[in-house]
Amino acid sequence: MSRGLGKIQRTVLEALESSDQEIDTLEVAGKVYISLYGEPDTTSFEISEAFYESVRRALKSLERRGLACGMWHTRTGYKLWASRKRAIVEANRVVRYFGVSSLRRNKPLLQLYLDDQASSRIDGG
């Protein structure tokens, strides 16, 4: 039986939902760090590898639950993430311009798109 979302998962989800665009893993980790521990004393701060990995694991867990979606990779190798709501908007935009086949390489995004389409048909939309 699941106990629900953990502290880092909840904070990650808040960071994704408060963003109006996709944000990379490192930026999510920074937002989570600030949310949990407050603003650092300096303008630049280092996030430990362990903290970064805990945020990455939280993102993957949220993706498995369908609450977040890994969208694309940046040129620097970081993955861009979005909340479920934002990912569905982006998936609809991509499909409108490039077709459904353009989502075939991103299974979580494709699944969100298909679930959204099925629920809109059921709701009569």
N, C-alpha and C. Protein backbone atom coordinates (compact mmCIF):
# COMPACT_ATOMS: atom_id res chain seq x y z
N MET A 1 0.84 -1.17 0.00
CA MET A 1 0.00 0.00 0.00
C MET A 1 0.89 1.24 0.00
N SER A 2 0.57 2.17 -0.82
CA SER A 2 1.35 3.40 -0.93
C SER A 2 0.97 4.38 0.18
N ARG A 3 1.95 5.12 0.62
CA ARG A 3 1.69 6.13 1.65
C ARG A 3 1.52 7.52 1.05
N GLY A 4 1.47 7.60 -0.25
CA GLY A 4 1.34 8.91 -0.88
C GLY A 4 2.69 9.48 -1.27
N LEU A 5 2.69 10.72 -1.66
CA LEU A 5 3.91 11.37 -2.13
C LEU A 5 4.78 11.79 -0.96
N GLY A 6 6.08 11.66 -1.13
CA GLY A 6 7.03 12.10 -0.13
C GLY A 6 7.26 13.60 -0.21
N LYS A 7 8.06 14.11 0.71
CA LYS A 7 8.30 15.56 0.78
C LYS A 7 8.96 16.08 -0.50
N ILE A 8 9.96 15.38 -0.98
CA ILE A 8 10.64 15.84 -2.20
C ILE A 8 9.71 15.71 -3.40
N GLN A 9 8.94 14.65 -3.47
CA GLN A 9 8.00 14.49 -4.58
C GLN A 9 6.97 15.62 -4.59
N ARG A 10 6.42 15.94 -3.42
CA ARG A 10 5.44 17.03 -3.35
C ARG A 10 6.06 18.36 -3.78
N THR A 11 7.29 18.60 -3.32
CA THR A 11 7.96 19.86 -3.66
C THR A 11 8.29 19.92 -5.15
N VAL A 12 8.72 18.79 -5.71
CA VAL A 12 8.99 18.72 -7.16
C VAL A 12 7.71 19.01 -7.94
N LEU A 13 6.62 18.41 -7.53
CA LEU A 13 5.34 18.62 -8.22
C LEU A 13 4.90 20.08 -8.14
N GLU A 14 5.09 20.70 -6.98
CA GLU A 14 4.78 22.14 -6.84
C GLU A 14 5.64 22.98 -7.78
N ALA A 15 6.92 22.63 -7.88
CA ALA A 15 7.82 23.39 -8.77
C ALA A 15 7.38 23.25 -10.22
N LEU A 16 6.98 22.05 -10.63
CA LEU A 16 6.53 21.84 -12.01
C LEU A 16 5.22 22.57 -12.28
N GLU A 17 4.30 22.51 -11.33
CA GLU A 17 3.00 23.12 -11.54
C GLU A 17 3.06 24.64 -11.51
N SER A 18 4.06 25.20 -10.82
CA SER A 18 4.19 26.66 -10.76
C SER A 18 4.90 27.23 -11.98
N SER A 19 5.48 26.36 -12.79
CA SER A 19 6.21 26.83 -13.98
C SER A 19 5.27 26.85 -15.19
N ASP A 20 5.40 27.88 -16.00
CA ASP A 20 4.55 27.97 -17.19
C ASP A 20 5.23 27.37 -18.43
N GLN A 21 6.37 26.75 -18.23
CA GLN A 21 7.07 26.08 -19.34
C GLN A 21 7.82 24.87 -18.80
N GLU A 22 8.40 24.08 -19.70
CA GLU A 22 9.18 22.93 -19.27
C GLU A 22 10.45 23.43 -18.59
N ILE A 23 10.89 22.72 -17.56
CA ILE A 23 12.13 23.11 -16.88
C ILE A 23 13.02 21.88 -16.75
N ASP A 24 14.34 22.11 -16.82
CA ASP A 24 15.25 20.98 -16.79
C ASP A 24 15.47 20.46 -15.38
N THR A 25 16.05 19.29 -15.31
CA THR A 25 16.23 18.60 -14.03
C THR A 25 17.03 19.43 -13.04
N LEU A 26 18.06 20.09 -13.50
CA LEU A 26 18.90 20.89 -12.61
C LEU A 26 18.11 22.07 -12.04
N GLU A 27 17.30 22.71 -12.88
CA GLU A 27 16.48 23.82 -12.40
C GLU A 27 15.43 23.35 -11.40
N VAL A 28 14.85 22.18 -11.65
CA VAL A 28 13.89 21.61 -10.69
C VAL A 28 14.61 21.38 -9.36
N ALA A 29 15.81 20.82 -9.41
CA ALA A 29 16.57 20.56 -8.19
C ALA A 29 16.85 21.86 -7.44
N GLY A 30 17.18 22.92 -8.18
CA GLY A 30 17.42 24.22 -7.55
C GLY A 30 16.17 24.76 -6.88
N LYS A 31 15.03 24.66 -7.55
CA LYS A 31 13.77 25.15 -6.98
C LYS A 31 13.39 24.34 -5.74
N VAL A 32 13.61 23.04 -5.78
CA VAL A 32 13.29 22.19 -4.64
C VAL A 32 14.21 22.53 -3.47
N TYR A 33 15.49 22.70 -3.75
CA TYR A 33 16.46 23.05 -2.70
C TYR A 33 16.05 24.34 -2.01
N ILE A 34 15.72 25.37 -2.80
CA ILE A 34 15.33 26.66 -2.23
C ILE A 34 14.04 26.53 -1.43
N SER A 35 13.10 25.74 -1.95
CA SER A 35 11.83 25.56 -1.26
C SER A 35 12.02 24.84 0.08
N LEU A 36 12.89 23.85 0.11
CA LEU A 36 13.10 23.07 1.33
C LEU A 36 14.01 23.76 2.34
N TYR A 37 15.08 24.41 1.84
CA TYR A 37 16.11 24.93 2.73
C TYR A 37 16.23 26.45 2.73
N GLY A 38 15.44 27.13 1.94
CA GLY A 38 15.50 28.58 1.88
C GLY A 38 16.55 29.07 0.89
N GLU A 39 16.53 30.37 0.68
CA GLU A 39 17.48 30.98 -0.26
C GLU A 39 18.91 30.83 0.27
N PRO A 40 19.87 30.46 -0.59
CA PRO A 40 21.26 30.39 -0.15
C PRO A 40 21.83 31.79 0.06
N ASP A 41 22.93 31.86 0.78
CA ASP A 41 23.55 33.15 1.08
C ASP A 41 24.19 33.79 -0.14
N THR A 42 24.54 32.99 -1.13
CA THR A 42 25.20 33.52 -2.33
C THR A 42 24.27 33.38 -3.53
N THR A 43 24.64 34.05 -4.62
CA THR A 43 23.81 33.97 -5.83
C THR A 43 23.98 32.63 -6.54
N SER A 44 25.13 32.00 -6.36
CA SER A 44 25.32 30.68 -6.95
C SER A 44 25.60 29.68 -5.84
N PHE A 45 25.04 28.50 -5.97
CA PHE A 45 25.23 27.47 -4.95
C PHE A 45 25.31 26.12 -5.63
N GLU A 46 25.95 25.20 -4.97
CA GLU A 46 26.10 23.86 -5.51
C GLU A 46 25.09 22.92 -4.89
N ILE A 47 24.52 22.10 -5.74
CA ILE A 47 23.60 21.06 -5.27
C ILE A 47 24.40 19.77 -5.26
N SER A 48 24.34 19.05 -4.16
CA SER A 48 25.11 17.81 -4.06
C SER A 48 24.57 16.78 -5.06
N GLU A 49 25.43 15.86 -5.42
CA GLU A 49 25.03 14.81 -6.35
C GLU A 49 23.91 13.96 -5.74
N ALA A 50 23.97 13.72 -4.45
CA ALA A 50 22.95 12.93 -3.78
C ALA A 50 21.59 13.63 -3.83
N PHE A 51 21.58 14.95 -3.60
CA PHE A 51 20.32 15.70 -3.65
C PHE A 51 19.77 15.70 -5.08
N TYR A 52 20.65 15.92 -6.06
CA TYR A 52 20.24 15.90 -7.46
C TYR A 52 19.61 14.55 -7.81
N GLU A 53 20.24 13.47 -7.37
CA GLU A 53 19.71 12.13 -7.66
C GLU A 53 18.37 11.90 -6.99
N SER A 54 18.19 12.43 -5.79
CA SER A 54 16.89 12.26 -5.11
C SER A 54 15.79 13.00 -5.87
N VAL A 55 16.12 14.15 -6.42
CA VAL A 55 15.15 14.90 -7.23
C VAL A 55 14.86 14.14 -8.53
N ARG A 56 15.90 13.59 -9.13
CA ARG A 56 15.73 12.82 -10.37
C ARG A 56 14.85 11.60 -10.12
N ARG A 57 15.08 10.91 -9.01
CA ARG A 57 14.24 9.75 -8.67
C ARG A 57 12.79 10.18 -8.42
N ALA A 58 12.61 11.31 -7.77
CA ALA A 58 11.25 11.82 -7.52
C ALA A 58 10.55 12.14 -8.84
N LEU A 59 11.28 12.73 -9.78
CA LEU A 59 10.69 13.03 -11.09
C LEU A 59 10.28 11.75 -11.81
N LYS A 60 11.14 10.73 -11.79
CA LYS A 60 10.80 9.47 -12.44
C LYS A 60 9.59 8.81 -11.77
N SER A 61 9.52 8.89 -10.45
CA SER A 61 8.38 8.33 -9.72
C SER A 61 7.09 9.06 -10.09
N LEU A 62 7.16 10.39 -10.17
CA LEU A 62 5.98 11.17 -10.57
C LEU A 62 5.58 10.85 -12.00
N GLU A 63 6.58 10.60 -12.85
CA GLU A 63 6.28 10.24 -14.24
C GLU A 63 5.56 8.89 -14.29
N ARG A 64 6.00 7.93 -13.49
CA ARG A 64 5.34 6.62 -13.46
C ARG A 64 3.89 6.74 -12.99
N ARG A 65 3.63 7.67 -12.09
CA ARG A 65 2.27 7.89 -11.58
C ARG A 65 1.42 8.74 -12.53
N GLY A 66 2.03 9.30 -13.57
CA GLY A 66 1.30 10.13 -14.51
C GLY A 66 1.10 11.57 -14.06
N LEU A 67 1.87 12.01 -13.05
CA LEU A 67 1.72 13.37 -12.53
C LEU A 67 2.71 14.34 -13.16
N ALA A 68 3.76 13.82 -13.77
CA ALA A 68 4.76 14.64 -14.44
C ALA A 68 5.18 13.90 -15.70
N CYS A 69 5.84 14.61 -16.59
CA CYS A 69 6.27 13.98 -17.83
C CYS A 69 7.62 14.53 -18.25
N GLY A 70 8.54 13.61 -18.54
CA GLY A 70 9.82 14.00 -19.12
C GLY A 70 9.59 14.30 -20.60
N MET A 71 9.89 15.52 -21.00
CA MET A 71 9.52 15.95 -22.35
C MET A 71 10.64 15.68 -23.36
N TRP A 72 11.70 16.42 -23.29
CA TRP A 72 12.79 16.35 -24.26
C TRP A 72 14.10 16.49 -23.49
N HIS A 73 15.22 16.36 -24.20
CA HIS A 73 16.53 16.61 -23.60
C HIS A 73 17.09 17.91 -24.16
N THR A 74 17.81 18.64 -23.31
CA THR A 74 18.46 19.87 -23.76
C THR A 74 19.78 19.51 -24.44
N ARG A 75 20.42 20.51 -25.03
CA ARG A 75 21.73 20.27 -25.65
C ARG A 75 22.78 19.90 -24.62
N THR A 76 22.57 20.32 -23.38
CA THR A 76 23.54 20.00 -22.33
C THR A 76 23.29 18.64 -21.71
N GLY A 77 22.24 17.95 -22.13
CA GLY A 77 21.97 16.60 -21.67
C GLY A 77 20.95 16.49 -20.56
N TYR A 78 20.47 17.62 -20.05
CA TYR A 78 19.45 17.57 -19.00
C TYR A 78 18.09 17.33 -19.64
N LYS A 79 17.24 16.63 -18.92
CA LYS A 79 15.90 16.37 -19.41
C LYS A 79 14.98 17.51 -19.00
N LEU A 80 14.09 17.90 -19.91
CA LEU A 80 13.07 18.90 -19.59
C LEU A 80 11.84 18.19 -19.05
N TRP A 81 11.26 18.76 -17.99
CA TRP A 81 10.11 18.16 -17.32
C TRP A 81 8.94 19.14 -17.29
N ALA A 82 7.75 18.58 -17.23
CA ALA A 82 6.54 19.41 -17.13
C ALA A 82 5.51 18.68 -16.28
N SER A 83 4.60 19.46 -15.72
CA SER A 83 3.48 18.86 -15.00
C SER A 83 2.57 18.17 -16.01
N ARG A 84 1.69 17.34 -15.53
CA ARG A 84 0.75 16.62 -16.40
C ARG A 84 -0.03 17.60 -17.28
N LYS A 85 -0.56 18.64 -16.66
CA LYS A 85 -1.37 19.62 -17.39
C LYS A 85 -0.56 20.29 -18.50
N ARG A 86 0.64 20.73 -18.17
CA ARG A 86 1.50 21.40 -19.15
C ARG A 86 1.92 20.43 -20.26
N ALA A 87 2.19 19.18 -19.89
CA ALA A 87 2.61 18.17 -20.88
C ALA A 87 1.49 17.89 -21.88
N ILE A 88 0.26 17.84 -21.40
CA ILE A 88 -0.87 17.59 -22.31
C ILE A 88 -1.02 18.74 -23.29
N VAL A 89 -0.88 19.97 -22.81
CA VAL A 89 -0.95 21.14 -23.70
C VAL A 89 0.14 21.05 -24.77
N GLU A 90 1.36 20.72 -24.34
CA GLU A 90 2.48 20.61 -25.28
C GLU A 90 2.28 19.45 -26.27
N ALA A 91 1.77 18.32 -25.78
CA ALA A 91 1.51 17.18 -26.67
C ALA A 91 0.48 17.54 -27.74
N ASN A 92 -0.58 18.22 -27.35
CA ASN A 92 -1.59 18.64 -28.33
C ASN A 92 -1.00 19.59 -29.36
N ARG A 93 -0.12 20.49 -28.92
CA ARG A 93 0.53 21.42 -29.85
C ARG A 93 1.42 20.66 -30.84
N VAL A 94 2.20 19.71 -30.33
CA VAL A 94 3.10 18.93 -31.19
C VAL A 94 2.29 18.12 -32.19
N VAL A 95 1.22 17.48 -31.74
CA VAL A 95 0.39 16.66 -32.64
C VAL A 95 -0.28 17.52 -33.70
N ARG A 96 -0.71 18.71 -33.31
CA ARG A 96 -1.37 19.61 -34.27
C ARG A 96 -0.42 19.97 -35.42
N TYR A 97 0.86 20.18 -35.11
CA TYR A 97 1.81 20.59 -36.15
C TYR A 97 2.51 19.43 -36.84
N PHE A 98 2.78 18.34 -36.11
CA PHE A 98 3.61 17.28 -36.68
C PHE A 98 2.94 15.91 -36.74
N GLY A 99 1.77 15.76 -36.14
CA GLY A 99 1.08 14.47 -36.15
C GLY A 99 1.42 13.62 -34.95
N VAL A 100 0.59 12.62 -34.70
CA VAL A 100 0.76 11.74 -33.55
C VAL A 100 2.06 10.96 -33.62
N SER A 101 2.50 10.63 -34.82
CA SER A 101 3.72 9.83 -34.95
C SER A 101 4.95 10.55 -34.38
N SER A 102 4.86 11.87 -34.24
CA SER A 102 5.99 12.62 -33.69
C SER A 102 6.19 12.33 -32.20
N LEU A 103 5.20 11.73 -31.54
CA LEU A 103 5.31 11.41 -30.12
C LEU A 103 5.77 9.97 -29.88
N ARG A 104 6.00 9.21 -30.93
CA ARG A 104 6.29 7.78 -30.76
C ARG A 104 7.57 7.51 -29.99
N ARG A 105 8.51 8.45 -29.97
CA ARG A 105 9.77 8.25 -29.25
C ARG A 105 9.67 8.65 -27.78
N ASN A 106 8.56 9.26 -27.39
CA ASN A 106 8.36 9.68 -26.01
C ASN A 106 7.11 8.99 -25.49
N LYS A 107 7.26 7.77 -25.00
CA LYS A 107 6.12 6.96 -24.58
C LYS A 107 5.28 7.60 -23.47
N PRO A 108 5.89 8.20 -22.43
CA PRO A 108 5.05 8.83 -21.40
C PRO A 108 4.21 9.98 -21.95
N LEU A 109 4.79 10.79 -22.83
CA LEU A 109 4.05 11.90 -23.41
C LEU A 109 2.94 11.38 -24.33
N LEU A 110 3.25 10.36 -25.11
CA LEU A 110 2.25 9.75 -25.97
C LEU A 110 1.10 9.19 -25.14
N GLN A 111 1.42 8.53 -24.03
CA GLN A 111 0.38 7.96 -23.18
C GLN A 111 -0.50 9.05 -22.58
N LEU A 112 0.11 10.17 -22.13
CA LEU A 112 -0.69 11.28 -21.61
C LEU A 112 -1.62 11.82 -22.69
N TYR A 113 -1.11 11.96 -23.91
CA TYR A 113 -1.91 12.47 -25.02
C TYR A 113 -3.09 11.53 -25.29
N LEU A 114 -2.83 10.23 -25.37
CA LEU A 114 -3.89 9.27 -25.66
C LEU A 114 -4.92 9.22 -24.53
N ASP A 115 -4.47 9.27 -23.28
CA ASP A 115 -5.40 9.30 -22.15
C ASP A 115 -6.28 10.55 -22.20
N ASP A 116 -5.67 11.69 -22.55
CA ASP A 116 -6.43 12.94 -22.64
C ASP A 116 -7.47 12.85 -23.76
N GLN A 117 -7.07 12.28 -24.89
CA GLN A 117 -8.01 12.14 -26.00
C GLN A 117 -9.18 11.21 -25.62
N ALA A 118 -8.85 10.11 -24.94
CA ALA A 118 -9.91 9.17 -24.53
C ALA A 118 -10.86 9.81 -23.53
N SER A 119 -10.32 10.56 -22.57
CA SER A 119 -11.19 11.18 -21.57
C SER A 119 -12.03 12.30 -22.19
N SER A 120 -11.50 13.01 -23.18
CA SER A 120 -12.30 14.06 -23.82
C SER A 120 -13.44 13.45 -24.64
N ARG A 121 -13.22 12.25 -25.20
CA ARG A 121 -14.29 11.58 -25.92
C ARG A 121 -15.38 11.10 -24.97
N ILE A 122 -14.94 10.60 -23.80
CA ILE A 122 -15.90 10.11 -22.81
C ILE A 122 -16.72 11.28 -22.25
N ASP A 123 -16.04 12.41 -22.01
CA ASP A 123 -16.72 13.59 -21.47
C ASP A 123 -17.58 14.29 -22.50
N GLY A 124 -17.46 13.89 -23.74
CA GLY A 124 -18.27 14.49 -24.80
C GLY A 124 -17.62 15.72 -25.41
N GLY A 125 -16.33 15.93 -25.12
CA GLY A 125 -15.63 17.11 -25.62
C GLY A 125 -14.94 16.80 -26.84
